[in-house]
Amino acid sequence: MSTVLDEIFEGFEPSPEFVSVMAAQEPAAVLGLDIGTSGVRAALFDESGREIQGASARTNRSIIAAVDFERVDADDLVEEVARTIDDLCAKSTATSQRVEFVAISCFWHSLLGVDGDGHPTTPVLGWANTQVGRAAEKLRARFEERGIHQRTGCRLHPATGRQNFFG
């Protein structure tokens, strides 16, 4: 489990008697989370992988300019995820489901710096952030890219999605 989810559920210990009684009565579900540029979506899926009707929620993020695609505050994002899950759980159809698994999809080509304790040190740098292009050029001038690629499997590659979407 991630440290973010550990913090959210820290100290939460359901009674074993309650869990065993309720587990037999509620159908199992998968909680699907899509954490993306435009917002957070959450939905419940049944054991066959079908979305449970009425068991979904969405929190939209205001996107005013191209810069809004470039960076997202990590702490604000955790709040959005929690708020979206709360909205989902508040729906009557969602309360009759027992979540057994969580599946998460998070951004496309993004990066987040964290410290040794798992706390964010940078905003979430998204696919449209153009600062990485300059950083990749500086790294290429300083290091031998082919050797880095052979040692790590990583290329010095800037995200160029902004050019594709915003001309």
N, C-alpha and C. Protein backbone atom coordinates (compact mmCIF):
# COMPACT_ATOMS: atom_id res chain seq x y z
N MET A 1 0.84 -1.17 0.00
CA MET A 1 0.00 0.00 0.00
C MET A 1 0.89 1.23 0.00
N SER A 2 0.48 2.28 -0.67
CA SER A 2 1.30 3.48 -0.74
C SER A 2 1.31 4.21 0.58
N THR A 3 2.29 5.06 0.79
CA THR A 3 2.37 5.80 2.03
C THR A 3 1.21 6.79 2.15
N VAL A 4 0.71 7.32 1.02
CA VAL A 4 -0.42 8.23 1.06
C VAL A 4 -1.64 7.50 1.60
N LEU A 5 -1.92 6.31 1.07
CA LEU A 5 -3.06 5.55 1.57
C LEU A 5 -2.83 5.10 3.00
N ASP A 6 -1.59 4.78 3.37
CA ASP A 6 -1.29 4.43 4.75
C ASP A 6 -1.68 5.57 5.68
N GLU A 7 -1.34 6.80 5.29
CA GLU A 7 -1.66 7.95 6.12
C GLU A 7 -3.17 8.16 6.22
N ILE A 8 -3.88 7.97 5.12
CA ILE A 8 -5.33 8.16 5.12
C ILE A 8 -6.00 7.16 6.06
N PHE A 9 -5.55 5.91 6.01
CA PHE A 9 -6.19 4.87 6.79
C PHE A 9 -5.48 4.57 8.11
N GLU A 10 -4.51 5.40 8.49
CA GLU A 10 -3.77 5.18 9.72
C GLU A 10 -4.72 5.16 10.91
N GLY A 11 -4.61 4.15 11.72
CA GLY A 11 -5.45 4.04 12.91
C GLY A 11 -6.82 3.45 12.66
N PHE A 12 -7.18 3.19 11.41
CA PHE A 12 -8.49 2.62 11.09
C PHE A 12 -8.41 1.11 11.20
N GLU A 13 -9.03 0.56 12.20
CA GLU A 13 -9.05 -0.88 12.43
C GLU A 13 -10.48 -1.33 12.62
N PRO A 14 -11.13 -1.85 11.59
CA PRO A 14 -12.51 -2.32 11.78
C PRO A 14 -12.53 -3.55 12.69
N SER A 15 -13.60 -3.69 13.39
CA SER A 15 -13.77 -4.84 14.27
C SER A 15 -13.79 -6.12 13.45
N PRO A 16 -13.00 -7.15 13.82
CA PRO A 16 -12.98 -8.40 13.06
C PRO A 16 -14.36 -9.05 12.97
N GLU A 17 -15.17 -8.91 14.02
CA GLU A 17 -16.51 -9.49 13.98
C GLU A 17 -17.37 -8.80 12.92
N PHE A 18 -17.25 -7.49 12.84
CA PHE A 18 -18.01 -6.73 11.86
C PHE A 18 -17.59 -7.11 10.44
N VAL A 19 -16.29 -7.21 10.22
CA VAL A 19 -15.78 -7.55 8.89
C VAL A 19 -16.28 -8.92 8.46
N SER A 20 -16.18 -9.92 9.32
CA SER A 20 -16.57 -11.27 8.93
C SER A 20 -18.07 -11.37 8.65
N VAL A 21 -18.90 -10.67 9.43
CA VAL A 21 -20.35 -10.70 9.21
C VAL A 21 -20.68 -9.97 7.91
N MET A 22 -20.11 -8.80 7.71
CA MET A 22 -20.43 -7.99 6.53
C MET A 22 -19.85 -8.59 5.26
N ALA A 23 -18.70 -9.23 5.33
CA ALA A 23 -18.06 -9.78 4.14
C ALA A 23 -18.94 -10.79 3.44
N ALA A 24 -19.68 -11.55 4.19
CA ALA A 24 -20.54 -12.58 3.59
C ALA A 24 -21.78 -11.98 2.96
N GLN A 25 -22.16 -10.75 3.35
CA GLN A 25 -23.40 -10.17 2.87
C GLN A 25 -23.22 -9.22 1.70
N GLU A 26 -22.06 -8.62 1.55
CA GLU A 26 -21.86 -7.63 0.51
C GLU A 26 -21.08 -8.20 -0.66
N PRO A 27 -21.49 -7.87 -1.88
CA PRO A 27 -20.71 -8.32 -3.03
C PRO A 27 -19.36 -7.59 -3.08
N ALA A 28 -18.35 -8.28 -3.57
CA ALA A 28 -17.03 -7.69 -3.69
C ALA A 28 -17.00 -6.70 -4.85
N ALA A 29 -16.12 -5.69 -4.73
CA ALA A 29 -15.99 -4.69 -5.78
C ALA A 29 -14.53 -4.26 -5.90
N VAL A 30 -14.21 -3.69 -7.06
CA VAL A 30 -12.92 -3.08 -7.31
C VAL A 30 -13.14 -1.57 -7.38
N LEU A 31 -12.35 -0.82 -6.63
CA LEU A 31 -12.39 0.63 -6.70
C LEU A 31 -11.38 1.06 -7.76
N GLY A 32 -11.86 1.69 -8.81
CA GLY A 32 -10.99 2.20 -9.86
C GLY A 32 -10.83 3.70 -9.70
N LEU A 33 -9.57 4.16 -9.68
CA LEU A 33 -9.28 5.59 -9.59
C LEU A 33 -8.51 6.02 -10.83
N ASP A 34 -8.95 7.10 -11.44
CA ASP A 34 -8.24 7.70 -12.57
C ASP A 34 -7.87 9.11 -12.15
N ILE A 35 -6.59 9.32 -11.90
CA ILE A 35 -6.09 10.61 -11.44
C ILE A 35 -5.42 11.25 -12.65
N GLY A 36 -6.06 12.26 -13.23
CA GLY A 36 -5.56 12.81 -14.47
C GLY A 36 -5.46 14.31 -14.48
N THR A 37 -5.10 14.84 -15.62
CA THR A 37 -4.89 16.27 -15.79
C THR A 37 -6.15 17.07 -15.52
N SER A 38 -7.29 16.59 -15.97
CA SER A 38 -8.52 17.37 -15.84
C SER A 38 -9.27 17.10 -14.54
N GLY A 39 -8.86 16.11 -13.77
CA GLY A 39 -9.54 15.83 -12.51
C GLY A 39 -9.35 14.40 -12.06
N VAL A 40 -10.16 14.00 -11.10
CA VAL A 40 -10.09 12.66 -10.52
C VAL A 40 -11.44 11.98 -10.72
N ARG A 41 -11.39 10.73 -11.17
CA ARG A 41 -12.60 9.94 -11.33
C ARG A 41 -12.46 8.68 -10.49
N ALA A 42 -13.57 8.26 -9.88
CA ALA A 42 -13.60 7.03 -9.10
C ALA A 42 -14.85 6.25 -9.48
N ALA A 43 -14.72 4.94 -9.56
CA ALA A 43 -15.87 4.10 -9.89
C ALA A 43 -15.68 2.72 -9.27
N LEU A 44 -16.79 2.06 -9.02
CA LEU A 44 -16.75 0.69 -8.52
C LEU A 44 -17.09 -0.26 -9.66
N PHE A 45 -16.39 -1.39 -9.66
CA PHE A 45 -16.60 -2.42 -10.68
C PHE A 45 -16.90 -3.73 -9.98
N ASP A 46 -17.78 -4.54 -10.59
CA ASP A 46 -18.12 -5.82 -9.98
C ASP A 46 -17.05 -6.86 -10.27
N GLU A 47 -17.27 -8.08 -9.79
CA GLU A 47 -16.27 -9.14 -9.93
C GLU A 47 -16.04 -9.55 -11.39
N SER A 48 -16.94 -9.16 -12.28
CA SER A 48 -16.78 -9.45 -13.71
C SER A 48 -16.12 -8.29 -14.45
N GLY A 49 -15.79 -7.21 -13.74
CA GLY A 49 -15.14 -6.07 -14.37
C GLY A 49 -16.10 -5.06 -14.97
N ARG A 50 -17.39 -5.22 -14.72
CA ARG A 50 -18.38 -4.26 -15.23
C ARG A 50 -18.57 -3.13 -14.22
N GLU A 51 -18.65 -1.90 -14.73
CA GLU A 51 -18.88 -0.77 -13.84
C GLU A 51 -20.26 -0.91 -13.20
N ILE A 52 -20.32 -0.69 -11.90
CA ILE A 52 -21.57 -0.78 -11.17
C ILE A 52 -22.35 0.50 -11.42
N GLN A 53 -23.55 0.36 -11.93
CA GLN A 53 -24.36 1.51 -12.31
C GLN A 53 -24.60 2.43 -11.11
N GLY A 54 -24.36 3.71 -11.31
CA GLY A 54 -24.56 4.70 -10.26
C GLY A 54 -23.44 4.81 -9.25
N ALA A 55 -22.40 3.98 -9.38
CA ALA A 55 -21.30 3.98 -8.41
C ALA A 55 -20.08 4.65 -9.02
N SER A 56 -20.21 5.94 -9.30
CA SER A 56 -19.06 6.68 -9.83
C SER A 56 -19.13 8.12 -9.34
N ALA A 57 -17.98 8.76 -9.31
CA ALA A 57 -17.89 10.16 -8.90
C ALA A 57 -16.73 10.80 -9.64
N ARG A 58 -16.80 12.12 -9.79
CA ARG A 58 -15.75 12.84 -10.50
C ARG A 58 -15.54 14.19 -9.83
N THR A 59 -14.28 14.59 -9.71
CA THR A 59 -13.91 15.92 -9.24
C THR A 59 -13.13 16.56 -10.38
N ASN A 60 -13.68 17.64 -10.93
CA ASN A 60 -13.02 18.32 -12.04
C ASN A 60 -12.05 19.37 -11.53
N ARG A 61 -10.96 19.54 -12.25
CA ARG A 61 -9.97 20.56 -11.94
C ARG A 61 -10.16 21.70 -12.93
N SER A 62 -10.09 22.93 -12.44
CA SER A 62 -10.20 24.09 -13.32
C SER A 62 -8.96 24.19 -14.18
N ILE A 63 -9.15 24.18 -15.47
CA ILE A 63 -8.04 24.34 -16.41
C ILE A 63 -8.29 25.63 -17.17
N ILE A 64 -7.50 26.63 -16.82
CA ILE A 64 -7.69 27.95 -17.40
C ILE A 64 -6.71 28.21 -18.54
N ALA A 65 -5.50 27.72 -18.40
CA ALA A 65 -4.46 27.97 -19.39
C ALA A 65 -3.60 26.72 -19.55
N ALA A 66 -2.76 26.73 -20.57
CA ALA A 66 -1.88 25.60 -20.84
C ALA A 66 -1.00 25.29 -19.64
N VAL A 67 -0.65 26.32 -18.85
CA VAL A 67 0.22 26.10 -17.69
C VAL A 67 -0.45 25.18 -16.68
N ASP A 68 -1.79 25.10 -16.66
CA ASP A 68 -2.49 24.23 -15.72
C ASP A 68 -2.24 22.76 -16.02
N PHE A 69 -1.80 22.44 -17.25
CA PHE A 69 -1.44 21.07 -17.58
C PHE A 69 -0.03 20.73 -17.11
N GLU A 70 0.76 21.74 -16.81
CA GLU A 70 2.18 21.55 -16.53
C GLU A 70 2.50 21.09 -15.12
N ARG A 71 1.76 21.59 -14.13
CA ARG A 71 2.08 21.24 -12.75
C ARG A 71 0.82 21.26 -11.90
N VAL A 72 0.78 20.33 -10.94
CA VAL A 72 -0.34 20.21 -10.02
C VAL A 72 0.26 20.05 -8.62
N ASP A 73 -0.26 20.78 -7.64
CA ASP A 73 0.24 20.66 -6.28
C ASP A 73 -0.10 19.26 -5.74
N ALA A 74 0.90 18.55 -5.25
CA ALA A 74 0.72 17.16 -4.81
C ALA A 74 -0.25 17.06 -3.63
N ASP A 75 -0.16 17.97 -2.67
CA ASP A 75 -1.06 17.92 -1.51
C ASP A 75 -2.50 18.21 -1.93
N ASP A 76 -2.69 19.16 -2.85
CA ASP A 76 -4.03 19.43 -3.36
C ASP A 76 -4.59 18.20 -4.08
N LEU A 77 -3.72 17.50 -4.77
CA LEU A 77 -4.14 16.31 -5.50
C LEU A 77 -4.62 15.21 -4.55
N VAL A 78 -3.92 15.03 -3.43
CA VAL A 78 -4.35 14.05 -2.43
C VAL A 78 -5.74 14.42 -1.91
N GLU A 79 -5.97 15.71 -1.68
CA GLU A 79 -7.28 16.17 -1.22
C GLU A 79 -8.36 15.88 -2.27
N GLU A 80 -8.05 16.10 -3.54
CA GLU A 80 -9.01 15.80 -4.61
C GLU A 80 -9.37 14.32 -4.64
N VAL A 81 -8.35 13.47 -4.49
CA VAL A 81 -8.60 12.03 -4.49
C VAL A 81 -9.50 11.66 -3.32
N ALA A 82 -9.18 12.16 -2.13
CA ALA A 82 -9.98 11.85 -0.94
C ALA A 82 -11.41 12.35 -1.10
N ARG A 83 -11.58 13.57 -1.62
CA ARG A 83 -12.91 14.14 -1.83
C ARG A 83 -13.72 13.32 -2.84
N THR A 84 -13.06 12.85 -3.88
CA THR A 84 -13.75 12.05 -4.90
C THR A 84 -14.18 10.70 -4.33
N ILE A 85 -13.31 10.07 -3.54
CA ILE A 85 -13.68 8.80 -2.90
C ILE A 85 -14.83 9.03 -1.91
N ASP A 86 -14.77 10.13 -1.16
CA ASP A 86 -15.87 10.46 -0.24
C ASP A 86 -17.18 10.63 -0.99
N ASP A 87 -17.14 11.33 -2.13
CA ASP A 87 -18.34 11.51 -2.94
C ASP A 87 -18.89 10.17 -3.42
N LEU A 88 -18.00 9.29 -3.85
CA LEU A 88 -18.41 7.97 -4.31
C LEU A 88 -19.07 7.19 -3.17
N CYS A 89 -18.46 7.21 -2.00
CA CYS A 89 -19.00 6.46 -0.86
C CYS A 89 -20.31 7.04 -0.35
N ALA A 90 -20.55 8.33 -0.60
CA ALA A 90 -21.78 8.96 -0.15
C ALA A 90 -22.99 8.52 -0.98
N LYS A 91 -22.75 7.97 -2.13
CA LYS A 91 -23.85 7.52 -2.99
C LYS A 91 -24.43 6.22 -2.44
N SER A 92 -25.73 6.12 -2.47
CA SER A 92 -26.38 4.95 -1.87
C SER A 92 -25.97 3.64 -2.53
N THR A 93 -25.75 3.63 -3.83
CA THR A 93 -25.38 2.38 -4.49
C THR A 93 -23.98 1.94 -4.11
N ALA A 94 -23.12 2.89 -3.75
CA ALA A 94 -21.74 2.54 -3.42
C ALA A 94 -21.63 1.93 -2.03
N THR A 95 -22.55 2.25 -1.14
CA THR A 95 -22.42 1.77 0.23
C THR A 95 -22.72 0.28 0.37
N SER A 96 -23.33 -0.33 -0.62
CA SER A 96 -23.65 -1.75 -0.51
C SER A 96 -22.55 -2.63 -1.10
N GLN A 97 -21.41 -2.07 -1.42
CA GLN A 97 -20.31 -2.82 -2.02
C GLN A 97 -19.16 -2.97 -1.04
N ARG A 98 -18.48 -4.09 -1.10
CA ARG A 98 -17.29 -4.36 -0.28
C ARG A 98 -16.08 -4.25 -1.20
N VAL A 99 -15.27 -3.22 -1.03
CA VAL A 99 -14.10 -3.01 -1.88
C VAL A 99 -12.99 -3.96 -1.44
N GLU A 100 -12.57 -4.82 -2.37
CA GLU A 100 -11.49 -5.76 -2.09
C GLU A 100 -10.19 -5.36 -2.75
N PHE A 101 -10.26 -4.63 -3.87
CA PHE A 101 -9.07 -4.24 -4.61
C PHE A 101 -9.20 -2.79 -5.04
N VAL A 102 -8.05 -2.16 -5.24
CA VAL A 102 -8.00 -0.78 -5.74
C VAL A 102 -7.09 -0.77 -6.96
N ALA A 103 -7.56 -0.20 -8.06
CA ALA A 103 -6.76 -0.05 -9.27
C ALA A 103 -6.61 1.44 -9.55
N ILE A 104 -5.38 1.88 -9.82
CA ILE A 104 -5.13 3.31 -9.99
C ILE A 104 -4.40 3.57 -11.31
N SER A 105 -4.90 4.55 -12.03
CA SER A 105 -4.22 5.08 -13.20
C SER A 105 -3.92 6.54 -12.88
N CYS A 106 -2.67 6.95 -13.08
CA CYS A 106 -2.28 8.29 -12.65
C CYS A 106 -1.46 9.00 -13.72
N PHE A 107 -2.03 10.02 -14.29
CA PHE A 107 -1.37 10.90 -15.25
C PHE A 107 -0.69 10.15 -16.40
N TRP A 108 -0.22 10.92 -17.29
CA TRP A 108 0.48 10.41 -18.46
C TRP A 108 1.82 11.14 -18.49
N HIS A 109 2.90 10.44 -18.42
CA HIS A 109 4.24 11.04 -18.41
C HIS A 109 4.35 12.14 -17.36
N SER A 110 4.31 11.76 -16.10
CA SER A 110 4.43 12.76 -15.04
C SER A 110 5.57 12.38 -14.10
N LEU A 111 5.96 13.34 -13.28
CA LEU A 111 7.07 13.15 -12.36
C LEU A 111 6.77 13.91 -11.08
N LEU A 112 7.10 13.29 -9.95
CA LEU A 112 6.93 13.93 -8.65
C LEU A 112 8.16 13.63 -7.82
N GLY A 113 8.82 14.66 -7.33
CA GLY A 113 9.95 14.47 -6.43
C GLY A 113 9.44 14.24 -5.01
N VAL A 114 10.04 13.28 -4.30
CA VAL A 114 9.67 13.02 -2.91
C VAL A 114 10.93 12.91 -2.06
N ASP A 115 10.78 13.21 -0.76
CA ASP A 115 11.92 13.09 0.14
C ASP A 115 11.96 11.69 0.75
N GLY A 116 12.90 11.46 1.65
CA GLY A 116 13.08 10.15 2.25
C GLY A 116 11.88 9.66 3.04
N ASP A 117 11.00 10.57 3.45
CA ASP A 117 9.80 10.21 4.20
C ASP A 117 8.57 10.08 3.31
N GLY A 118 8.78 10.22 1.99
CA GLY A 118 7.66 10.09 1.06
C GLY A 118 6.84 11.36 0.89
N HIS A 119 7.32 12.50 1.39
CA HIS A 119 6.60 13.76 1.24
C HIS A 119 7.03 14.45 -0.06
N PRO A 120 6.10 15.12 -0.74
CA PRO A 120 6.45 15.76 -2.01
C PRO A 120 7.43 16.90 -1.84
N THR A 121 8.39 16.98 -2.74
CA THR A 121 9.35 18.09 -2.76
C THR A 121 9.16 18.96 -3.99
N THR A 122 8.31 18.52 -4.90
CA THR A 122 7.99 19.28 -6.12
C THR A 122 6.50 19.15 -6.37
N PRO A 123 5.95 20.02 -7.23
CA PRO A 123 4.59 19.74 -7.70
C PRO A 123 4.65 18.53 -8.63
N VAL A 124 3.49 17.99 -8.97
CA VAL A 124 3.44 16.95 -9.99
C VAL A 124 3.73 17.66 -11.31
N LEU A 125 4.84 17.28 -11.95
CA LEU A 125 5.22 17.90 -13.22
C LEU A 125 4.60 17.05 -14.33
N GLY A 126 3.65 17.63 -15.03
CA GLY A 126 2.88 16.89 -16.01
C GLY A 126 3.48 16.87 -17.39
N TRP A 127 2.77 16.20 -18.28
CA TRP A 127 3.23 15.97 -19.65
C TRP A 127 3.45 17.25 -20.44
N ALA A 128 2.81 18.34 -20.07
CA ALA A 128 2.94 19.58 -20.83
C ALA A 128 4.04 20.50 -20.30
N ASN A 129 4.74 20.09 -19.27
CA ASN A 129 5.77 20.93 -18.69
C ASN A 129 6.95 21.02 -19.64
N THR A 130 7.31 22.23 -20.03
CA THR A 130 8.39 22.43 -21.01
C THR A 130 9.75 22.62 -20.36
N GLN A 131 9.80 22.74 -19.03
CA GLN A 131 11.08 22.92 -18.35
C GLN A 131 11.98 21.71 -18.55
N VAL A 132 11.41 20.55 -18.70
CA VAL A 132 12.21 19.34 -18.83
C VAL A 132 13.01 19.32 -20.12
N GLY A 133 12.55 20.02 -21.13
CA GLY A 133 13.30 20.09 -22.39
C GLY A 133 14.65 20.75 -22.18
N ARG A 134 14.67 21.83 -21.45
CA ARG A 134 15.93 22.51 -21.14
C ARG A 134 16.81 21.64 -20.26
N ALA A 135 16.21 20.93 -19.32
CA ALA A 135 16.99 20.06 -18.43
C ALA A 135 17.63 18.93 -19.23
N ALA A 136 16.90 18.35 -20.17
CA ALA A 136 17.44 17.26 -20.98
C ALA A 136 18.62 17.77 -21.81
N GLU A 137 18.52 18.98 -22.35
CA GLU A 137 19.63 19.55 -23.12
C GLU A 137 20.87 19.73 -22.25
N LYS A 138 20.67 20.23 -21.03
CA LYS A 138 21.80 20.42 -20.11
C LYS A 138 22.45 19.09 -19.74
N LEU A 139 21.64 18.07 -19.51
CA LEU A 139 22.16 16.75 -19.17
C LEU A 139 22.93 16.15 -20.35
N ARG A 140 22.42 16.34 -21.56
CA ARG A 140 23.13 15.83 -22.75
C ARG A 140 24.48 16.49 -22.91
N ALA A 141 24.56 17.78 -22.58
CA ALA A 141 25.84 18.49 -22.70
C ALA A 141 26.83 18.04 -21.63
N ARG A 142 26.33 17.57 -20.51
CA ARG A 142 27.20 17.21 -19.40
C ARG A 142 27.55 15.72 -19.36
N PHE A 143 26.64 14.86 -19.82
CA PHE A 143 26.84 13.42 -19.72
C PHE A 143 26.76 12.75 -21.08
N GLU A 144 27.26 11.55 -21.15
CA GLU A 144 27.23 10.76 -22.38
C GLU A 144 25.93 9.94 -22.36
N GLU A 145 24.97 10.35 -23.18
CA GLU A 145 23.62 9.77 -23.13
C GLU A 145 23.60 8.27 -23.39
N ARG A 146 24.37 7.82 -24.35
CA ARG A 146 24.35 6.39 -24.69
C ARG A 146 24.75 5.53 -23.49
N GLY A 147 25.77 5.94 -22.76
CA GLY A 147 26.22 5.21 -21.57
C GLY A 147 25.16 5.20 -20.48
N ILE A 148 24.51 6.33 -20.28
CA ILE A 148 23.44 6.41 -19.29
C ILE A 148 22.32 5.45 -19.67
N HIS A 149 21.96 5.45 -20.94
CA HIS A 149 20.89 4.56 -21.41
C HIS A 149 21.26 3.10 -21.20
N GLN A 150 22.49 2.75 -21.50
CA GLN A 150 22.92 1.36 -21.35
C GLN A 150 22.93 0.94 -19.87
N ARG A 151 23.31 1.85 -18.97
CA ARG A 151 23.36 1.52 -17.54
C ARG A 151 21.99 1.50 -16.88
N THR A 152 21.11 2.42 -17.29
CA THR A 152 19.85 2.60 -16.56
C THR A 152 18.60 2.21 -17.35
N GLY A 153 18.71 2.15 -18.68
CA GLY A 153 17.52 1.92 -19.50
C GLY A 153 16.75 3.20 -19.76
N CYS A 154 17.22 4.32 -19.22
CA CYS A 154 16.53 5.61 -19.37
C CYS A 154 17.23 6.48 -20.39
N ARG A 155 16.44 7.14 -21.19
CA ARG A 155 16.97 8.12 -22.15
C ARG A 155 16.78 9.52 -21.58
N LEU A 156 17.58 10.45 -22.03
CA LEU A 156 17.42 11.85 -21.66
C LEU A 156 16.38 12.43 -22.62
N HIS A 157 15.12 12.23 -22.30
CA HIS A 157 14.03 12.54 -23.21
C HIS A 157 13.07 13.54 -22.59
N PRO A 158 12.95 14.71 -23.20
CA PRO A 158 11.97 15.67 -22.68
C PRO A 158 10.56 15.30 -23.12
N ALA A 159 9.58 15.65 -22.30
CA ALA A 159 8.18 15.47 -22.71
C ALA A 159 7.87 16.54 -23.73
N THR A 160 7.31 16.15 -24.84
CA THR A 160 7.01 17.12 -25.90
C THR A 160 5.52 17.18 -26.19
N GLY A 161 4.71 16.67 -25.29
CA GLY A 161 3.26 16.65 -25.50
C GLY A 161 2.67 18.02 -25.70
N ARG A 162 3.22 19.05 -25.02
CA ARG A 162 2.66 20.38 -25.15
C ARG A 162 2.75 20.87 -26.59
N GLN A 163 3.85 20.61 -27.25
CA GLN A 163 3.99 21.03 -28.64
C GLN A 163 2.93 20.35 -29.51
N ASN A 164 2.65 19.08 -29.22
CA ASN A 164 1.65 18.35 -30.00
C ASN A 164 0.25 18.88 -29.79
N PHE A 165 -0.09 19.31 -28.57
CA PHE A 165 -1.44 19.72 -28.26
C PHE A 165 -1.66 21.23 -28.36
N PHE A 166 -0.62 22.01 -28.21
CA PHE A 166 -0.80 23.45 -28.19
C PHE A 166 -0.03 24.18 -29.29
N GLY A 167 0.43 23.43 -30.28
CA GLY A 167 1.08 24.03 -31.42
C GLY A 167 2.47 24.43 -31.15
